[in-house]
């Protein structure tokens, strides 16, 4: 969190999502290496990284409306989920 004098504090979500992805990778290293876990571990690692990627893409948007459109989550068959 960054504070700017006379303004609301800024929450550095880009840094926080990066730290989240790193923490997930450290956590999965502690899990047992079994056949059942291998695909789940891969998926969790991909998902943890995509949180930050989606935020960065949305943050580069041009307007508030564009930002909200990019923040929406799309499911596997294109359905849109509002966060």
C-alpha atoms as a PDB file:
ATOM      1  CA  UNK A   1       0.000   0.000   0.000  1.00  0.00           C
ATOM      2  CA  UNK A   2       1.346   3.409  -0.964  1.00  0.00           C
ATOM      3  CA  UNK A   3       0.237   6.606   0.731  1.00  0.00           C
ATOM      4  CA  UNK A   4       0.136   9.905  -1.104  1.00  0.00           C
ATOM      5  CA  UNK A   5      -0.259  13.039   1.049  1.00  0.00           C
ATOM      6  CA  UNK A   6      -3.886  14.234   1.249  1.00  0.00           C
ATOM      7  CA  UNK A   7      -5.139  11.334  -0.885  1.00  0.00           C
ATOM      8  CA  UNK A   8      -6.591   7.911  -0.298  1.00  0.00           C
ATOM      9  CA  UNK A   9      -4.035   5.121   0.043  1.00  0.00           C
ATOM     10  CA  UNK A  10      -3.217   3.273  -3.169  1.00  0.00           C
ATOM     11  CA  UNK A  11      -3.288  -0.508  -3.081  1.00  0.00           C
ATOM     12  CA  UNK A  12      -0.684  -1.884  -5.433  1.00  0.00           C
ATOM     13  CA  UNK A  13      -2.715  -4.789  -6.777  1.00  0.00           C
ATOM     14  CA  UNK A  14      -0.138  -5.535  -9.460  1.00  0.00           C
ATOM     15  CA  UNK A  15       2.501  -6.211  -6.792  1.00  0.00           C
ATOM     16  CA  UNK A  16       0.025  -8.074  -4.575  1.00  0.00           C
ATOM     17  CA  UNK A  17      -1.057 -10.393  -7.396  1.00  0.00           C
ATOM     18  CA  UNK A  18       2.617 -11.069  -8.191  1.00  0.00           C
ATOM     19  CA  UNK A  19       3.285 -11.931  -4.549  1.00  0.00           C
ATOM     20  CA  UNK A  20       0.189 -14.155  -4.550  1.00  0.00           C
ATOM     21  CA  UNK A  21       1.491 -16.117  -7.546  1.00  0.00           C
ATOM     22  CA  UNK A  22       4.877 -16.518  -5.847  1.00  0.00           C
ATOM     23  CA  UNK A  23       3.223 -17.703  -2.631  1.00  0.00           C
ATOM     24  CA  UNK A  24       1.149 -20.266  -4.523  1.00  0.00           C
ATOM     25  CA  UNK A  25       4.286 -21.637  -6.188  1.00  0.00           C
ATOM     26  CA  UNK A  26       6.013 -21.951  -2.814  1.00  0.00           C
ATOM     27  CA  UNK A  27       2.934 -23.690  -1.388  1.00  0.00           C
ATOM     28  CA  UNK A  28       2.628 -26.279  -4.160  1.00  0.00           C
ATOM     29  CA  UNK A  29       6.265 -27.250  -3.606  1.00  0.00           C
ATOM     30  CA  UNK A  30       5.197 -28.504  -0.162  1.00  0.00           C
ATOM     31  CA  UNK A  31       2.492 -30.799  -1.590  1.00  0.00           C
ATOM     32  CA  UNK A  32       3.227 -34.482  -2.139  1.00  0.00           C
ATOM     33  CA  UNK A  33       4.127 -35.380  -5.732  1.00  0.00           C
ATOM     34  CA  UNK A  34       1.418 -37.881  -6.648  1.00  0.00           C
ATOM     35  CA  UNK A  35      -0.261 -38.703  -9.923  1.00  0.00           C
ATOM     36  CA  UNK A  36      -3.527 -37.355  -8.526  1.00  0.00           C
ATOM     37  CA  UNK A  37      -1.937 -34.018  -7.558  1.00  0.00           C
ATOM     38  CA  UNK A  38       0.132 -33.340 -10.664  1.00  0.00           C
ATOM     39  CA  UNK A  39      -2.629 -31.922 -12.914  1.00  0.00           C
ATOM     40  CA  UNK A  40      -4.251 -30.029 -10.044  1.00  0.00           C
ATOM     41  CA  UNK A  41      -0.924 -28.424  -9.150  1.00  0.00           C
ATOM     42  CA  UNK A  42      -0.364 -27.337 -12.756  1.00  0.00           C
ATOM     43  CA  UNK A  43      -3.839 -25.798 -12.902  1.00  0.00           C
ATOM     44  CA  UNK A  44      -3.437 -23.943  -9.595  1.00  0.00           C
ATOM     45  CA  UNK A  45      -0.120 -22.470 -10.758  1.00  0.00           C
ATOM     46  CA  UNK A  46      -1.639 -21.319 -14.076  1.00  0.00           C
ATOM     47  CA  UNK A  47      -4.664 -19.829 -12.324  1.00  0.00           C
ATOM     48  CA  UNK A  48      -2.560 -17.963  -9.763  1.00  0.00           C
ATOM     49  CA  UNK A  49      -0.554 -16.297 -12.524  1.00  0.00           C
ATOM     50  CA  UNK A  50      -3.587 -15.394 -14.586  1.00  0.00           C
ATOM     51  CA  UNK A  51      -5.012 -13.266 -11.755  1.00  0.00           C
ATOM     52  CA  UNK A  52      -2.167 -10.788 -12.148  1.00  0.00           C
ATOM     53  CA  UNK A  53      -2.198 -10.960 -15.931  1.00  0.00           C
ATOM     54  CA  UNK A  54      -5.918 -10.197 -16.044  1.00  0.00           C
ATOM     55  CA  UNK A  55      -5.498  -7.280 -13.644  1.00  0.00           C
ATOM     56  CA  UNK A  56      -2.620  -5.785 -15.640  1.00  0.00           C
ATOM     57  CA  UNK A  57      -4.613  -6.076 -18.869  1.00  0.00           C
ATOM     58  CA  UNK A  58      -7.655  -4.445 -17.283  1.00  0.00           C
ATOM     59  CA  UNK A  59      -5.522  -1.727 -15.711  1.00  0.00           C
ATOM     60  CA  UNK A  60      -4.203  -0.713 -19.140  1.00  0.00           C
ATOM     61  CA  UNK A  61      -7.742   0.041 -20.301  1.00  0.00           C
ATOM     62  CA  UNK A  62      -8.711   3.417 -21.688  1.00  0.00           C
ATOM     63  CA  UNK A  63     -11.792   4.271 -19.651  1.00  0.00           C
ATOM     64  CA  UNK A  64     -13.742   3.134 -16.591  1.00  0.00           C
ATOM     65  CA  UNK A  65     -16.246   1.355 -18.847  1.00  0.00           C
ATOM     66  CA  UNK A  66     -13.384  -0.389 -20.656  1.00  0.00           C
ATOM     67  CA  UNK A  67     -11.837  -1.363 -17.300  1.00  0.00           C
ATOM     68  CA  UNK A  68     -15.099  -2.905 -16.077  1.00  0.00           C
ATOM     69  CA  UNK A  69     -15.496  -4.819 -19.327  1.00  0.00           C
ATOM     70  CA  UNK A  70     -11.985  -6.256 -19.034  1.00  0.00           C
ATOM     71  CA  UNK A  71     -12.373  -7.203 -15.372  1.00  0.00           C
ATOM     72  CA  UNK A  72     -15.287  -9.500 -16.150  1.00  0.00           C
ATOM     73  CA  UNK A  73     -14.322 -13.141 -15.952  1.00  0.00           C
ATOM     74  CA  UNK A  74     -15.075 -15.393 -18.873  1.00  0.00           C
ATOM     75  CA  UNK A  75     -15.724 -19.066 -18.247  1.00  0.00           C
ATOM     76  CA  UNK A  76     -14.568 -21.982 -20.383  1.00  0.00           C
ATOM     77  CA  UNK A  77     -17.437 -21.688 -22.853  1.00  0.00           C
ATOM     78  CA  UNK A  78     -17.431 -17.902 -23.113  1.00  0.00           C
ATOM     79  CA  UNK A  79     -20.012 -17.227 -20.409  1.00  0.00           C
ATOM     80  CA  UNK A  80     -19.334 -14.000 -18.519  1.00  0.00           C
ATOM     81  CA  UNK A  81     -19.158 -13.872 -14.725  1.00  0.00           C
ATOM     82  CA  UNK A  82     -19.263 -10.486 -12.969  1.00  0.00           C
ATOM     83  CA  UNK A  83     -16.640 -10.169 -10.186  1.00  0.00           C
END
